[in-house]
Amino acid sequence: MPRKRIYTDEQRLERHREASRKYREANLEKVTAYNKQWKIDNWEYYREYNREYLRRWRQSKKAGRVTGK
């Protein structure tokens, strides 16, 4: 029986990204429908997440850490 190949973290991440990309390309309609449904089902989480994200962004802007346009 062949030995199991051991991948570095970078190789593992790269393989995962490639597999995810291929799956998304092959099942685009299914993935899109799932994502839309997820947003509908988890709108409370989305609202809290956005609120927290904006709060942190405003804090960093006040502190002068925002780079951008």
N, C-alpha and C. Protein backbone atom coordinates (compact mmCIF):
# COMPACT_ATOMS: atom_id res chain seq x y z
N MET A 1 0.85 -1.18 0.00
CA MET A 1 0.00 0.00 0.00
C MET A 1 0.89 1.25 0.00
N PRO A 2 0.62 2.19 -0.90
CA PRO A 2 1.49 3.38 -0.97
C PRO A 2 1.32 4.27 0.26
N ARG A 3 2.39 4.99 0.57
CA ARG A 3 2.34 5.90 1.71
C ARG A 3 1.52 7.13 1.36
N LYS A 4 0.88 7.65 2.38
CA LYS A 4 0.08 8.85 2.19
C LYS A 4 1.03 10.04 2.03
N ARG A 5 0.77 10.87 1.04
CA ARG A 5 1.62 12.02 0.79
C ARG A 5 1.35 13.10 1.83
N ILE A 6 2.40 13.70 2.30
CA ILE A 6 2.26 14.78 3.28
C ILE A 6 2.53 16.10 2.58
N TYR A 7 1.57 17.02 2.68
CA TYR A 7 1.68 18.31 2.02
C TYR A 7 2.03 19.39 3.03
N THR A 8 2.75 20.41 2.56
CA THR A 8 2.99 21.57 3.42
C THR A 8 1.68 22.36 3.51
N ASP A 9 1.61 23.29 4.44
CA ASP A 9 0.40 24.10 4.59
C ASP A 9 0.08 24.86 3.31
N GLU A 10 1.12 25.39 2.67
CA GLU A 10 0.89 26.14 1.43
C GLU A 10 0.34 25.25 0.33
N GLN A 11 0.90 24.05 0.20
CA GLN A 11 0.42 23.11 -0.81
C GLN A 11 -1.02 22.71 -0.53
N ARG A 12 -1.33 22.47 0.75
CA ARG A 12 -2.68 22.07 1.13
C ARG A 12 -3.68 23.18 0.80
N LEU A 13 -3.32 24.42 1.13
CA LEU A 13 -4.19 25.56 0.81
C LEU A 13 -4.38 25.70 -0.70
N GLU A 14 -3.30 25.54 -1.45
CA GLU A 14 -3.39 25.67 -2.90
C GLU A 14 -4.28 24.59 -3.50
N ARG A 15 -4.14 23.36 -3.02
CA ARG A 15 -4.99 22.27 -3.50
C ARG A 15 -6.45 22.53 -3.15
N HIS A 16 -6.70 23.04 -1.94
CA HIS A 16 -8.06 23.34 -1.52
C HIS A 16 -8.67 24.43 -2.40
N ARG A 17 -7.89 25.50 -2.65
CA ARG A 17 -8.40 26.59 -3.49
C ARG A 17 -8.73 26.10 -4.89
N GLU A 18 -7.85 25.28 -5.43
CA GLU A 18 -8.07 24.77 -6.78
C GLU A 18 -9.31 23.88 -6.84
N ALA A 19 -9.48 23.01 -5.84
CA ALA A 19 -10.64 22.13 -5.80
C ALA A 19 -11.93 22.95 -5.63
N SER A 20 -11.88 23.98 -4.79
CA SER A 20 -13.05 24.83 -4.58
C SER A 20 -13.42 25.56 -5.87
N ARG A 21 -12.41 26.08 -6.55
CA ARG A 21 -12.66 26.81 -7.79
C ARG A 21 -13.29 25.89 -8.84
N LYS A 22 -12.74 24.68 -8.97
CA LYS A 22 -13.29 23.73 -9.93
C LYS A 22 -14.75 23.37 -9.59
N TYR A 23 -15.02 23.16 -8.29
CA TYR A 23 -16.38 22.82 -7.88
C TYR A 23 -17.33 23.97 -8.20
N ARG A 24 -16.92 25.19 -7.86
CA ARG A 24 -17.78 26.35 -8.13
C ARG A 24 -18.06 26.49 -9.62
N GLU A 25 -17.03 26.29 -10.44
CA GLU A 25 -17.23 26.39 -11.89
C GLU A 25 -18.19 25.32 -12.39
N ALA A 26 -18.06 24.10 -11.86
CA ALA A 26 -18.89 22.99 -12.33
C ALA A 26 -20.33 23.09 -11.83
N ASN A 27 -20.53 23.71 -10.67
CA ASN A 27 -21.86 23.74 -10.05
C ASN A 27 -22.32 25.16 -9.75
N LEU A 28 -22.12 26.06 -10.69
CA LEU A 28 -22.35 27.47 -10.43
C LEU A 28 -23.78 27.76 -9.99
N GLU A 29 -24.77 27.17 -10.65
CA GLU A 29 -26.18 27.44 -10.30
C GLU A 29 -26.49 26.97 -8.88
N LYS A 30 -26.00 25.77 -8.56
CA LYS A 30 -26.25 25.21 -7.23
C LYS A 30 -25.59 26.07 -6.15
N VAL A 31 -24.35 26.49 -6.40
CA VAL A 31 -23.62 27.30 -5.43
C VAL A 31 -24.29 28.66 -5.25
N THR A 32 -24.71 29.27 -6.35
CA THR A 32 -25.39 30.57 -6.28
C THR A 32 -26.69 30.47 -5.49
N ALA A 33 -27.47 29.44 -5.76
CA ALA A 33 -28.73 29.25 -5.04
C ALA A 33 -28.47 29.02 -3.56
N TYR A 34 -27.45 28.23 -3.24
CA TYR A 34 -27.11 27.97 -1.84
C TYR A 34 -26.71 29.26 -1.13
N ASN A 35 -25.88 30.08 -1.78
CA ASN A 35 -25.42 31.33 -1.17
C ASN A 35 -26.58 32.30 -0.94
N LYS A 36 -27.50 32.38 -1.90
CA LYS A 36 -28.67 33.26 -1.74
C LYS A 36 -29.51 32.79 -0.56
N GLN A 37 -29.74 31.49 -0.47
CA GLN A 37 -30.54 30.95 0.62
C GLN A 37 -29.86 31.16 1.96
N TRP A 38 -28.53 31.01 1.97
CA TRP A 38 -27.78 31.22 3.21
C TRP A 38 -27.96 32.65 3.71
N LYS A 39 -27.88 33.61 2.80
CA LYS A 39 -28.06 35.02 3.18
C LYS A 39 -29.46 35.27 3.73
N ILE A 40 -30.46 34.64 3.13
CA ILE A 40 -31.84 34.78 3.61
C ILE A 40 -31.97 34.19 5.01
N ASP A 41 -31.39 33.00 5.20
CA ASP A 41 -31.52 32.30 6.48
C ASP A 41 -30.71 32.94 7.60
N ASN A 42 -29.63 33.64 7.25
CA ASN A 42 -28.71 34.15 8.26
C ASN A 42 -28.61 35.67 8.25
N TRP A 43 -29.72 36.33 7.96
CA TRP A 43 -29.66 37.78 7.84
C TRP A 43 -29.32 38.45 9.16
N GLU A 44 -29.68 37.84 10.32
CA GLU A 44 -29.32 38.44 11.61
C GLU A 44 -27.81 38.44 11.78
N TYR A 45 -27.20 37.33 11.44
CA TYR A 45 -25.74 37.23 11.53
C TYR A 45 -25.10 38.28 10.62
N TYR A 46 -25.63 38.40 9.41
CA TYR A 46 -25.09 39.36 8.44
C TYR A 46 -25.17 40.77 9.00
N ARG A 47 -26.30 41.12 9.61
CA ARG A 47 -26.50 42.47 10.14
C ARG A 47 -25.47 42.75 11.25
N GLU A 48 -25.32 41.78 12.17
CA GLU A 48 -24.35 41.96 13.26
C GLU A 48 -22.93 42.06 12.72
N TYR A 49 -22.62 41.20 11.77
CA TYR A 49 -21.27 41.19 11.20
C TYR A 49 -20.96 42.54 10.55
N ASN A 50 -21.89 43.07 9.77
CA ASN A 50 -21.68 44.35 9.11
C ASN A 50 -21.55 45.48 10.11
N ARG A 51 -22.38 45.44 11.15
CA ARG A 51 -22.31 46.48 12.18
C ARG A 51 -20.94 46.49 12.85
N GLU A 52 -20.46 45.31 13.21
CA GLU A 52 -19.15 45.20 13.86
C GLU A 52 -18.03 45.63 12.91
N TYR A 53 -18.12 45.23 11.66
CA TYR A 53 -17.10 45.59 10.67
C TYR A 53 -17.02 47.10 10.51
N LEU A 54 -18.18 47.74 10.38
CA LEU A 54 -18.20 49.20 10.22
C LEU A 54 -17.69 49.91 11.47
N ARG A 55 -18.02 49.37 12.65
CA ARG A 55 -17.54 49.97 13.89
C ARG A 55 -16.02 49.95 13.93
N ARG A 56 -15.43 48.81 13.60
CA ARG A 56 -13.96 48.71 13.58
C ARG A 56 -13.36 49.63 12.53
N TRP A 57 -14.00 49.72 11.37
CA TRP A 57 -13.49 50.56 10.29
C TRP A 57 -13.50 52.02 10.73
N ARG A 58 -14.59 52.46 11.37
CA ARG A 58 -14.66 53.84 11.84
C ARG A 58 -13.60 54.12 12.90
N GLN A 59 -13.37 53.17 13.79
CA GLN A 59 -12.34 53.33 14.82
C GLN A 59 -10.97 53.50 14.18
N SER A 60 -10.66 52.65 13.22
CA SER A 60 -9.34 52.73 12.59
C SER A 60 -9.22 54.01 11.77
N LYS A 61 -10.33 54.48 11.22
CA LYS A 61 -10.30 55.73 10.46
C LYS A 61 -9.99 56.90 11.40
N LYS A 62 -10.63 56.90 12.58
CA LYS A 62 -10.37 57.95 13.56
C LYS A 62 -8.91 57.93 14.00
N ALA A 63 -8.37 56.72 14.13
CA ALA A 63 -6.99 56.59 14.57
C ALA A 63 -6.00 56.88 13.45
N GLY A 64 -6.54 57.11 12.23
CA GLY A 64 -5.68 57.45 11.10
C GLY A 64 -4.98 56.27 10.46
N ARG A 65 -5.53 55.08 10.67
CA ARG A 65 -4.88 53.88 10.11
C ARG A 65 -5.46 53.47 8.78
N VAL A 66 -6.43 54.19 8.25
CA VAL A 66 -7.06 53.79 7.00
C VAL A 66 -6.24 54.33 5.84
N THR A 67 -5.86 53.42 4.96
CA THR A 67 -5.21 53.86 3.73
C THR A 67 -6.20 53.65 2.61
N GLY A 68 -6.17 54.49 1.65
CA GLY A 68 -7.13 54.30 0.55
C GLY A 68 -7.35 55.59 -0.19
N LYS A 69 -8.52 55.67 -0.82
CA LYS A 69 -8.78 56.77 -1.73
C LYS A 69 -9.05 58.07 -1.01
